[in-house]
Amino acid sequence: MRTALVVNPFATRVSEERLADVRSELERVAELDVVLTERPGHATELVTGACRGGAEAVVVFSGDGGFNEALNGLESDIPVGFLPGGGTSVLPRALGLPRDPVAAARQLADALSTGRTRRISLGRVNGRRFAFAGGVGLPGEVVRRVDDLGRRADGRRPGDLAFVAAVVHALAARRGRLEPQLEIAGHGRAAAVFVANTSPYTYAGSLPLPMARAATFEEGLDLLAPVVVHPASAPATVARVLSGRARGERFLRAHDLDRIEIACDSPLPLHADGEDLGDVERAVFEAERDAVSVLV
């Protein structure tokens, strides 16, 4: 099977040695065309080129940003696989693959040889696809704060602890208070919005953070939105949100939605799969059901 292997050489867990081992596993069953990303957005172009060039499958060895770009480059309904090359790599882990990229490549090679795939849904926000999570307000600000830390000399992003610190700093900047600042059509006003396409929403090291425990790749989108956060309740609220146990009148929740429309009082940060999409006054999330076949 002719397979395009799209590699982000700057991803945290990608090295020449690991890439050689990954290639060895995949080449047992596939004719590989290996291409390396060189800049942001390049994976989208490379996957589109692979689809137009007759590839029968695509495998992406990257972090979640590269996976997101790849999904936005798919132009044909061919199987796509994801190898955990990032520090967190939410998508392949949520699909049940091991964290070790070589072990994951071994499983994907078996999937390629047997044609083993799983149909999953995706989300879209303002037209951009995402695989596992999006958000407006606080979740988007956290992503931006981590991005603002920059990359190390080797091109790698900060790790999970940086995201935890960003949550703390974002709340501290407001003295632990978040007031309603956006309207969710049909649901009400809220301080921030978390949108999940699966559970967990993300990971902190080996710890899954479910946010919306009922979300699955086979259904529509799930919504979690804290209405207001007060200083005295901030630690408890954060713990309840991260653990997927947010209940009661202080939270808006909904399961298996096709569409979520959000109007912001003023421009707020938006993210999809941990990628900063800038400030928006309006965000429209849509479920793209039965969207792609993934190698599992």
C-alpha atoms as a PDB file:
ATOM      1  CA  MET A   1       0.000   0.000   0.000  1.00  0.00           C
ATOM      2  CA  ARG A   2       1.436   3.351  -0.999  1.00  0.00           C
ATOM      3  CA  THR A   3       1.517   5.438   2.167  1.00  0.00           C
ATOM      4  CA  ALA A   4       2.634   9.011   2.819  1.00  0.00           C
ATOM      5  CA  LEU A   5       4.523   9.438   6.109  1.00  0.00           C
ATOM      6  CA  VAL A   6       4.347  13.116   7.090  1.00  0.00           C
ATOM      7  CA  VAL A   7       6.907  13.973   9.792  1.00  0.00           C
ATOM      8  CA  ASN A   8       7.366  17.082  11.909  1.00  0.00           C
ATOM      9  CA  PRO A   9      11.104  16.925  12.732  1.00  0.00           C
ATOM     10  CA  PHE A  10      10.697  19.612  15.419  1.00  0.00           C
ATOM     11  CA  ALA A  11       8.093  17.720  17.466  1.00  0.00           C
ATOM     12  CA  THR A  12       9.168  16.848  20.998  1.00  0.00           C
ATOM     13  CA  ARG A  13       9.458  13.080  20.607  1.00  0.00           C
ATOM     14  CA  VAL A  14      10.680  12.968  17.009  1.00  0.00           C
ATOM     15  CA  SER A  15      14.343  12.094  16.493  1.00  0.00           C
ATOM     16  CA  GLU A  16      16.366  10.568  13.666  1.00  0.00           C
ATOM     17  CA  GLU A  17      16.617   7.292  15.593  1.00  0.00           C
ATOM     18  CA  ARG A  18      12.874   7.098  16.299  1.00  0.00           C
ATOM     19  CA  LEU A  19      12.046   8.029  12.721  1.00  0.00           C
ATOM     20  CA  ALA A  20      14.281   5.221  11.457  1.00  0.00           C
ATOM     21  CA  ASP A  21      12.513   2.743  13.764  1.00  0.00           C
ATOM     22  CA  VAL A  22       9.086   4.036  12.735  1.00  0.00           C
ATOM     23  CA  ARG A  23       9.988   3.689   9.063  1.00  0.00           C
ATOM     24  CA  SER A  24      11.204   0.144   9.657  1.00  0.00           C
ATOM     25  CA  GLU A  25       7.865  -0.851  11.186  1.00  0.00           C
ATOM     26  CA  LEU A  26       5.745   0.749   8.470  1.00  0.00           C
ATOM     27  CA  GLU A  27       7.895  -0.453   5.574  1.00  0.00           C
ATOM     28  CA  ARG A  28       7.051  -4.039   6.526  1.00  0.00           C
ATOM     29  CA  VAL A  29       3.632  -3.506   4.978  1.00  0.00           C
ATOM     30  CA  ALA A  30       3.710  -0.278   2.973  1.00  0.00           C
ATOM     31  CA  GLU A  31       5.606   1.564   0.267  1.00  0.00           C
ATOM     32  CA  LEU A  32       6.514   4.795   2.067  1.00  0.00           C
ATOM     33  CA  ASP A  33       6.854   8.318   0.734  1.00  0.00           C
ATOM     34  CA  VAL A  34       8.481  10.244   3.614  1.00  0.00           C
ATOM     35  CA  VAL A  35       8.075  14.034   3.684  1.00  0.00           C
ATOM     36  CA  LEU A  36       9.172  16.489   6.390  1.00  0.00           C
ATOM     37  CA  THR A  37       7.332  19.624   7.425  1.00  0.00           C
ATOM     38  CA  GLU A  38       9.329  22.846   7.287  1.00  0.00           C
ATOM     39  CA  ARG A  39       6.960  25.527   8.622  1.00  0.00           C
ATOM     40  CA  PRO A  40       3.549  26.039  10.223  1.00  0.00           C
ATOM     41  CA  GLY A  41       0.764  24.924   7.910  1.00  0.00           C
ATOM     42  CA  HIS A  42       3.076  22.756   5.817  1.00  0.00           C
ATOM     43  CA  ALA A  43       1.465  19.485   6.927  1.00  0.00           C
ATOM     44  CA  THR A  44      -1.830  20.629   5.392  1.00  0.00           C
ATOM     45  CA  GLU A  45      -0.104  21.182   2.059  1.00  0.00           C
ATOM     46  CA  LEU A  46       1.783  17.878   2.217  1.00  0.00           C
ATOM     47  CA  VAL A  47      -1.327  15.823   3.010  1.00  0.00           C
ATOM     48  CA  THR A  48      -3.291  17.532   0.237  1.00  0.00           C
ATOM     49  CA  GLY A  49      -0.419  16.775  -2.137  1.00  0.00           C
ATOM     50  CA  ALA A  50      -0.370  13.139  -1.028  1.00  0.00           C
ATOM     51  CA  CYS A  51      -4.112  12.788  -1.653  1.00  0.00           C
ATOM     52  CA  ARG A  52      -3.797  14.306  -5.108  1.00  0.00           C
ATOM     53  CA  GLY A  53      -0.713  12.191  -5.822  1.00  0.00           C
ATOM     54  CA  GLY A  54      -2.481   8.884  -5.318  1.00  0.00           C
ATOM     55  CA  ALA A  55      -1.509   7.928  -1.762  1.00  0.00           C
ATOM     56  CA  GLU A  56      -3.662   5.102  -0.394  1.00  0.00           C
ATOM     57  CA  ALA A  57      -3.068   6.053   3.240  1.00  0.00           C
ATOM     58  CA  VAL A  58      -1.446   8.809   5.295  1.00  0.00           C
ATOM     59  CA  VAL A  59       0.459   8.475   8.567  1.00  0.00           C
ATOM     60  CA  VAL A  60       1.449  11.580  10.531  1.00  0.00           C
ATOM     61  CA  PHE A  61       4.363  11.530  13.006  1.00  0.00           C
ATOM     62  CA  SER A  62       3.973  14.772  14.890  1.00  0.00           C
ATOM     63  CA  GLY A  63       2.296  16.510  17.789  1.00  0.00           C
ATOM     64  CA  ASP A  64      -1.332  17.571  17.939  1.00  0.00           C
ATOM     65  CA  GLY A  65      -0.717  20.714  15.877  1.00  0.00           C
ATOM     66  CA  GLY A  66       0.575  18.608  12.996  1.00  0.00           C
ATOM     67  CA  PHE A  67      -2.345  16.199  13.338  1.00  0.00           C
ATOM     68  CA  ASN A  68      -4.745  19.122  13.113  1.00  0.00           C
ATOM     69  CA  GLU A  69      -3.036  20.460   9.998  1.00  0.00           C
ATOM     70  CA  ALA A  70      -3.138  17.009   8.409  1.00  0.00           C
ATOM     71  CA  LEU A  71      -6.883  16.617   9.000  1.00  0.00           C
ATOM     72  CA  ASN A  72      -7.415  19.980   7.318  1.00  0.00           C
ATOM     73  CA  GLY A  73      -5.433  18.772   4.299  1.00  0.00           C
ATOM     74  CA  LEU A  74      -7.344  15.544   3.650  1.00  0.00           C
ATOM     75  CA  GLU A  75      -9.136  15.740   0.313  1.00  0.00           C
ATOM     76  CA  SER A  76     -10.064  12.088  -0.131  1.00  0.00           C
ATOM     77  CA  ASP A  77     -11.491   9.393   2.108  1.00  0.00           C
ATOM     78  CA  ILE A  78      -8.283   7.448   2.669  1.00  0.00           C
ATOM     79  CA  PRO A  79      -7.178   5.966   6.030  1.00  0.00           C
ATOM     80  CA  VAL A  80      -5.093   8.254   8.224  1.00  0.00           C
ATOM     81  CA  GLY A  81      -2.954   7.292  11.211  1.00  0.00           C
ATOM     82  CA  PHE A  82      -1.338   9.331  13.970  1.00  0.00           C
ATOM     83  CA  LEU A  83       1.981   8.575  15.689  1.00  0.00           C
ATOM     84  CA  PRO A  84       2.630  10.355  19.016  1.00  0.00           C
ATOM     85  CA  GLY A  85       5.542  12.689  18.317  1.00  0.00           C
ATOM     86  CA  GLY A  86       4.504  15.571  20.572  1.00  0.00           C
ATOM     87  CA  GLY A  87       4.885  16.066  24.278  1.00  0.00           C
ATOM     88  CA  THR A  88       1.167  15.410  24.866  1.00  0.00           C
ATOM     89  CA  SER A  89      -0.169  13.874  21.616  1.00  0.00           C
ATOM     90  CA  VAL A  90      -3.786  13.793  22.741  1.00  0.00           C
ATOM     91  CA  LEU A  91      -5.260  12.399  19.514  1.00  0.00           C
ATOM     92  CA  PRO A  92      -3.393   9.058  19.182  1.00  0.00           C
ATOM     93  CA  ARG A  93      -3.675   8.441  22.920  1.00  0.00           C
ATOM     94  CA  ALA A  94      -7.416   9.086  22.839  1.00  0.00           C
ATOM     95  CA  LEU A  95      -7.620   6.587  19.964  1.00  0.00           C
ATOM     96  CA  GLY A  96      -5.983   3.957  22.169  1.00  0.00           C
ATOM     97  CA  LEU A  97      -2.446   3.952  20.756  1.00  0.00           C
ATOM     98  CA  PRO A  98       0.583   3.636  23.057  1.00  0.00           C
ATOM     99  CA  ARG A  99       2.653   6.712  23.902  1.00  0.00           C
ATOM    100  CA  ASP A 100       5.804   5.150  22.437  1.00  0.00           C
ATOM    101  CA  PRO A 101       5.853   6.088  18.729  1.00  0.00           C
ATOM    102  CA  VAL A 102       7.621   2.894  17.634  1.00  0.00           C
ATOM    103  CA  ALA A 103       5.095   0.687  19.429  1.00  0.00           C
ATOM    104  CA  ALA A 104       2.322   2.816  17.902  1.00  0.00           C
ATOM    105  CA  ALA A 105       3.891   2.401  14.437  1.00  0.00           C
ATOM    106  CA  ARG A 106       3.875  -1.355  14.930  1.00  0.00           C
ATOM    107  CA  GLN A 107       0.135  -1.248  15.625  1.00  0.00           C
ATOM    108  CA  LEU A 108      -0.530   1.037  12.659  1.00  0.00           C
ATOM    109  CA  ALA A 109       1.457  -1.294  10.407  1.00  0.00           C
ATOM    110  CA  ASP A 110      -0.804  -4.147  11.490  1.00  0.00           C
ATOM    111  CA  ALA A 111      -3.834  -1.939  10.838  1.00  0.00           C
ATOM    112  CA  LEU A 112      -2.553  -1.112   7.352  1.00  0.00           C
ATOM    113  CA  SER A 113      -1.960  -4.755   6.521  1.00  0.00           C
ATOM    114  CA  THR A 114      -5.403  -5.880   7.706  1.00  0.00           C
ATOM    115  CA  GLY A 115      -7.380  -2.786   6.689  1.00  0.00           C
ATOM    116  CA  ARG A 116      -8.386  -2.149  10.296  1.00  0.00           C
ATOM    117  CA  THR A 117      -9.924   1.312  10.635  1.00  0.00           C
ATOM    118  CA  ARG A 118     -12.386   3.204  12.790  1.00  0.00           C
ATOM    119  CA  ARG A 119     -14.789   5.837  11.513  1.00  0.00           C
ATOM    120  CA  ILE A 120     -14.794   8.937  13.709  1.00  0.00           C
ATOM    121  CA  SER A 121     -16.481  12.301  13.721  1.00  0.00           C
ATOM    122  CA  LEU A 122     -14.590  15.592  13.719  1.00  0.00           C
ATOM    123  CA  GLY A 123     -15.464  19.102  14.779  1.00  0.00           C
ATOM    124  CA  ARG A 124     -15.219  22.323  12.830  1.00  0.00           C
ATOM    125  CA  VAL A 125     -14.929  25.805  14.240  1.00  0.00           C
ATOM    126  CA  ASN A 126     -15.369  28.719  11.839  1.00  0.00           C
ATOM    127  CA  GLY A 127     -14.628  26.218   9.057  1.00  0.00           C
ATOM    128  CA  ARG A 128     -11.450  24.693  10.520  1.00  0.00           C
ATOM    129  CA  ARG A 129     -11.441  21.017  11.408  1.00  0.00           C
ATOM    130  CA  PHE A 130     -10.378  19.775  14.826  1.00  0.00           C
ATOM    131  CA  ALA A 131     -10.075  16.287  16.249  1.00  0.00           C
ATOM    132  CA  PHE A 132     -10.553  16.374  20.002  1.00  0.00           C
ATOM    133  CA  ALA A 133     -11.088  19.818  21.540  1.00  0.00           C
ATOM    134  CA  GLY A 134     -11.731  23.511  21.047  1.00  0.00           C
ATOM    135  CA  GLY A 135     -12.570  26.440  23.247  1.00  0.00           C
ATOM    136  CA  VAL A 136     -13.257  30.147  23.571  1.00  0.00           C
ATOM    137  CA  GLY A 137     -12.020  32.483  26.292  1.00  0.00           C
ATOM    138  CA  LEU A 138      -9.968  30.898  29.076  1.00  0.00           C
ATOM    139  CA  PRO A 139      -9.023  27.693  27.183  1.00  0.00           C
ATOM    140  CA  GLY A 140      -7.869  29.766  24.207  1.00  0.00           C
ATOM    141  CA  GLU A 141      -5.944  32.129  26.477  1.00  0.00           C
ATOM    142  CA  VAL A 142      -4.119  29.208  28.102  1.00  0.00           C
ATOM    143  CA  VAL A 143      -2.967  27.972  24.691  1.00  0.00           C
ATOM    144  CA  ARG A 144      -1.784  31.477  23.805  1.00  0.00           C
ATOM    145  CA  ARG A 145       0.147  31.902  27.061  1.00  0.00           C
ATOM    146  CA  VAL A 146       2.040  28.678  26.394  1.00  0.00           C
ATOM    147  CA  ASP A 147       2.763  29.713  22.810  1.00  0.00           C
ATOM    148  CA  ASP A 148       4.094  33.034  24.107  1.00  0.00           C
ATOM    149  CA  LEU A 149       6.757  31.129  26.043  1.00  0.00           C
ATOM    150  CA  GLY A 150       8.302  30.318  22.662  1.00  0.00           C
ATOM    151  CA  ARG A 151      10.194  27.225  21.694  1.00  0.00           C
ATOM    152  CA  ARG A 152      13.500  25.904  22.896  1.00  0.00           C
ATOM    153  CA  ALA A 153      16.615  26.046  20.729  1.00  0.00           C
ATOM    154  CA  ASP A 154      15.725  22.628  19.294  1.00  0.00           C
ATOM    155  CA  GLY A 155      12.282  23.900  18.212  1.00  0.00           C
ATOM    156  CA  ARG A 156      10.297  22.012  20.824  1.00  0.00           C
ATOM    157  CA  ARG A 157       7.354  23.458  22.759  1.00  0.00           C
ATOM    158  CA  PRO A 158       7.094  23.630  26.565  1.00  0.00           C
ATOM    159  CA  GLY A 159       5.629  20.566  28.249  1.00  0.00           C
ATOM    160  CA  ASP A 160       2.451  19.828  30.194  1.00  0.00           C
ATOM    161  CA  LEU A 161       3.544  21.719  33.309  1.00  0.00           C
ATOM    162  CA  ALA A 162       3.605  24.907  31.248  1.00  0.00           C
ATOM    163  CA  PHE A 163      -0.080  24.453  30.478  1.00  0.00           C
ATOM    164  CA  VAL A 164      -0.895  23.934  34.160  1.00  0.00           C
ATOM    165  CA  ALA A 165       1.056  27.080  35.025  1.00  0.00           C
ATOM    166  CA  ALA A 166      -0.768  28.985  32.280  1.00  0.00           C
ATOM    167  CA  VAL A 167      -4.150  28.145  33.824  1.00  0.00           C
ATOM    168  CA  VAL A 168      -2.934  29.409  37.202  1.00  0.00           C
ATOM    169  CA  HIS A 169      -1.511  32.611  35.712  1.00  0.00           C
ATOM    170  CA  ALA A 170      -4.630  33.300  33.627  1.00  0.00           C
ATOM    171  CA  LEU A 171      -6.829  33.091  36.708  1.00  0.00           C
ATOM    172  CA  ALA A 172      -4.353  35.031  38.841  1.00  0.00           C
ATOM    173  CA  ALA A 173      -4.387  37.853  36.308  1.00  0.00           C
ATOM    174  CA  ARG A 174      -8.107  38.228  37.048  1.00  0.00           C
ATOM    175  CA  ARG A 175      -7.723  37.615  40.784  1.00  0.00           C
ATOM    176  CA  GLY A 176      -9.618  34.372  40.395  1.00  0.00           C
ATOM    177  CA  ARG A 177     -12.729  35.999  38.928  1.00  0.00           C
ATOM    178  CA  LEU A 178     -14.340  35.223  35.567  1.00  0.00           C
ATOM    179  CA  GLU A 179     -17.563  37.011  34.686  1.00  0.00           C
ATOM    180  CA  PRO A 180     -19.977  36.059  31.893  1.00  0.00           C
ATOM    181  CA  GLN A 181     -18.550  37.478  28.660  1.00  0.00           C
ATOM    182  CA  LEU A 182     -20.191  35.502  25.880  1.00  0.00           C
ATOM    183  CA  GLU A 183     -23.571  34.148  24.814  1.00  0.00           C
ATOM    184  CA  ILE A 184     -24.134  30.546  23.705  1.00  0.00           C
ATOM    185  CA  ALA A 185     -27.195  30.437  21.467  1.00  0.00           C
ATOM    186  CA  GLY A 186     -29.971  28.441  23.100  1.00  0.00           C
ATOM    187  CA  HIS A 187     -28.001  27.839  26.308  1.00  0.00           C
ATOM    188  CA  GLY A 188     -27.235  31.182  27.930  1.00  0.00           C
ATOM    189  CA  ARG A 189     -24.352  33.362  29.057  1.00  0.00           C
ATOM    190  CA  ALA A 190     -21.031  32.016  30.286  1.00  0.00           C
ATOM    191  CA  ALA A 191     -17.496  33.042  31.221  1.00  0.00           C
ATOM    192  CA  ALA A 192     -15.727  30.559  28.895  1.00  0.00           C
ATOM    193  CA  VAL A 193     -16.521  27.603  26.644  1.00  0.00           C
ATOM    194  CA  PHE A 194     -14.906  24.173  26.379  1.00  0.00           C
ATOM    195  CA  VAL A 195     -15.994  22.081  23.373  1.00  0.00           C
ATOM    196  CA  ALA A 196     -15.071  18.380  23.318  1.00  0.00           C
ATOM    197  CA  ASN A 197     -15.209  15.859  20.480  1.00  0.00           C
ATOM    198  CA  THR A 198     -14.018  13.024  22.730  1.00  0.00           C
ATOM    199  CA  SER A 199     -12.906  12.260  26.253  1.00  0.00           C
ATOM    200  CA  PRO A 200     -10.372  13.090  27.565  1.00  0.00           C
ATOM    201  CA  TYR A 201     -10.211  16.736  26.524  1.00  0.00           C
ATOM    202  CA  THR A 202      -6.441  16.653  27.074  1.00  0.00           C
ATOM    203  CA  TYR A 203      -3.778  15.119  29.345  1.00  0.00           C
ATOM    204  CA  ALA A 204      -1.461  16.385  32.064  1.00  0.00           C
ATOM    205  CA  GLY A 205       1.399  13.918  31.801  1.00  0.00           C
ATOM    206  CA  SER A 206      -0.180  10.482  32.247  1.00  0.00           C
ATOM    207  CA  LEU A 207      -3.323  11.951  33.825  1.00  0.00           C
ATOM    208  CA  PRO A 208      -6.357  12.237  31.514  1.00  0.00           C
ATOM    209  CA  LEU A 209      -8.462  15.389  31.951  1.00  0.00           C
ATOM    210  CA  PRO A 210     -11.946  14.363  30.797  1.00  0.00           C
ATOM    211  CA  MET A 211     -13.843  17.711  30.969  1.00  0.00           C
ATOM    212  CA  ALA A 212     -16.831  16.143  29.158  1.00  0.00           C
ATOM    213  CA  ARG A 213     -16.907  12.488  30.154  1.00  0.00           C
ATOM    214  CA  ALA A 214     -19.760  11.516  27.806  1.00  0.00           C
ATOM    215  CA  ALA A 215     -18.064  12.836  24.642  1.00  0.00           C
ATOM    216  CA  THR A 216     -17.077  10.213  22.065  1.00  0.00           C
ATOM    217  CA  PHE A 217     -15.544  10.187  18.593  1.00  0.00           C
ATOM    218  CA  GLU A 218     -18.714   8.537  17.255  1.00  0.00           C
ATOM    219  CA  GLU A 219     -21.145  11.299  18.303  1.00  0.00           C
ATOM    220  CA  GLY A 220     -21.501  15.058  18.009  1.00  0.00           C
ATOM    221  CA  LEU A 221     -19.898  17.767  20.128  1.00  0.00           C
ATOM    222  CA  ASP A 222     -20.129  18.213  23.890  1.00  0.00           C
ATOM    223  CA  LEU A 223     -20.283  21.595  25.597  1.00  0.00           C
ATOM    224  CA  LEU A 224     -19.049  22.650  29.032  1.00  0.00           C
ATOM    225  CA  ALA A 225     -19.205  26.307  30.056  1.00  0.00           C
ATOM    226  CA  PRO A 226     -18.647  27.777  33.522  1.00  0.00           C
ATOM    227  CA  VAL A 227     -21.140  30.589  33.975  1.00  0.00           C
ATOM    228  CA  VAL A 228     -19.091  32.556  36.497  1.00  0.00           C
ATOM    229  CA  VAL A 229     -15.999  31.946  38.634  1.00  0.00           C
ATOM    230  CA  HIS A 230     -15.491  33.727  41.948  1.00  0.00           C
ATOM    231  CA  PRO A 231     -12.144  33.959  43.780  1.00  0.00           C
ATOM    232  CA  ALA A 232     -13.271  31.810  46.691  1.00  0.00           C
ATOM    233  CA  SER A 233     -14.542  29.067  44.392  1.00  0.00           C
ATOM    234  CA  ALA A 234     -11.831  29.242  41.706  1.00  0.00           C
ATOM    235  CA  PRO A 235      -9.707  26.251  42.873  1.00  0.00           C
ATOM    236  CA  ALA A 236     -12.777  24.032  43.302  1.00  0.00           C
ATOM    237  CA  THR A 237     -14.226  25.155  39.968  1.00  0.00           C
ATOM    238  CA  VAL A 238     -10.989  24.395  38.105  1.00  0.00           C
ATOM    239  CA  ALA A 239     -10.772  20.974  39.766  1.00  0.00           C
ATOM    240  CA  ARG A 240     -14.372  20.154  38.836  1.00  0.00           C
ATOM    241  CA  VAL A 241     -13.907  21.271  35.231  1.00  0.00           C
ATOM    242  CA  LEU A 242     -10.660  19.343  34.741  1.00  0.00           C
ATOM    243  CA  SER A 243     -12.052  16.177  36.309  1.00  0.00           C
ATOM    244  CA  GLY A 244     -15.289  16.191  34.309  1.00  0.00           C
ATOM    245  CA  ARG A 245     -17.417  16.588  37.443  1.00  0.00           C
ATOM    246  CA  ALA A 246     -18.732  20.086  36.779  1.00  0.00           C
ATOM    247  CA  ARG A 247     -22.417  20.084  37.693  1.00  0.00           C
ATOM    248  CA  GLY A 248     -25.039  22.479  38.940  1.00  0.00           C
ATOM    249  CA  GLU A 249     -26.315  25.924  38.034  1.00  0.00           C
ATOM    250  CA  ARG A 250     -22.817  27.386  37.718  1.00  0.00           C
ATOM    251  CA  PHE A 251     -22.175  25.334  34.576  1.00  0.00           C
ATOM    252  CA  LEU A 252     -23.836  24.985  31.189  1.00  0.00           C
ATOM    253  CA  ARG A 253     -23.598  21.483  29.745  1.00  0.00           C
ATOM    254  CA  ALA A 254     -24.851  19.751  26.610  1.00  0.00           C
ATOM    255  CA  HIS A 255     -24.117  16.442  24.868  1.00  0.00           C
ATOM    256  CA  ASP A 256     -24.027  15.256  21.242  1.00  0.00           C
ATOM    257  CA  LEU A 257     -24.634  18.608  19.541  1.00  0.00           C
ATOM    258  CA  ASP A 258     -24.502  19.336  15.817  1.00  0.00           C
ATOM    259  CA  ARG A 259     -23.939  23.080  16.207  1.00  0.00           C
ATOM    260  CA  ILE A 260     -22.796  25.529  18.884  1.00  0.00           C
ATOM    261  CA  GLU A 261     -23.020  29.256  18.159  1.00  0.00           C
ATOM    262  CA  ILE A 262     -21.103  31.674  20.390  1.00  0.00           C
ATOM    263  CA  ALA A 263     -21.221  35.472  20.368  1.00  0.00           C
ATOM    264  CA  CYS A 264     -18.559  37.245  22.460  1.00  0.00           C
ATOM    265  CA  ASP A 265     -19.061  40.625  24.142  1.00  0.00           C
ATOM    266  CA  SER A 266     -15.584  41.538  22.862  1.00  0.00           C
ATOM    267  CA  PRO A 267     -12.985  39.531  20.903  1.00  0.00           C
ATOM    268  CA  LEU A 268     -11.806  36.451  22.838  1.00  0.00           C
ATOM    269  CA  PRO A 269      -9.097  33.826  22.153  1.00  0.00           C
ATOM    270  CA  LEU A 270     -10.156  30.741  20.192  1.00  0.00           C
ATOM    271  CA  HIS A 271      -8.294  27.447  19.977  1.00  0.00           C
ATOM    272  CA  ALA A 272      -8.737  24.146  18.173  1.00  0.00           C
ATOM    273  CA  ASP A 273      -6.649  21.087  19.140  1.00  0.00           C
ATOM    274  CA  GLY A 274      -4.316  23.367  21.083  1.00  0.00           C
ATOM    275  CA  GLU A 275      -3.710  25.692  18.122  1.00  0.00           C
ATOM    276  CA  ASP A 276      -4.259  29.431  18.647  1.00  0.00           C
ATOM    277  CA  LEU A 277      -6.751  30.666  16.029  1.00  0.00           C
ATOM    278  CA  GLY A 278      -6.685  34.303  17.144  1.00  0.00           C
ATOM    279  CA  ASP A 279      -9.358  36.490  18.751  1.00  0.00           C
ATOM    280  CA  VAL A 280     -12.929  36.174  17.559  1.00  0.00           C
ATOM    281  CA  GLU A 281     -16.232  37.899  18.216  1.00  0.00           C
ATOM    282  CA  ARG A 282     -18.158  34.909  16.921  1.00  0.00           C
ATOM    283  CA  ALA A 283     -17.409  31.200  16.875  1.00  0.00           C
ATOM    284  CA  VAL A 284     -19.531  28.515  15.214  1.00  0.00           C
ATOM    285  CA  PHE A 285     -18.700  24.938  16.152  1.00  0.00           C
ATOM    286  CA  GLU A 286     -20.157  22.186  13.979  1.00  0.00           C
ATOM    287  CA  ALA A 287     -20.032  18.395  14.172  1.00  0.00           C
ATOM    288  CA  GLU A 288     -18.767  16.641  11.060  1.00  0.00           C
ATOM    289  CA  ARG A 289     -20.178  13.195  11.705  1.00  0.00           C
ATOM    290  CA  ASP A 290     -18.627  10.019  10.281  1.00  0.00           C
ATOM    291  CA  ALA A 291     -15.869  12.183   8.826  1.00  0.00           C
ATOM    292  CA  VAL A 292     -12.701  10.104   8.470  1.00  0.00           C
ATOM    293  CA  SER A 293     -11.300   6.586   8.734  1.00  0.00           C
ATOM    294  CA  VAL A 294      -8.450   6.360  11.223  1.00  0.00           C
ATOM    295  CA  LEU A 295      -5.968   3.519  11.558  1.00  0.00           C
ATOM    296  CA  VAL A 296      -6.237   1.937  15.003  1.00  0.00           C
END
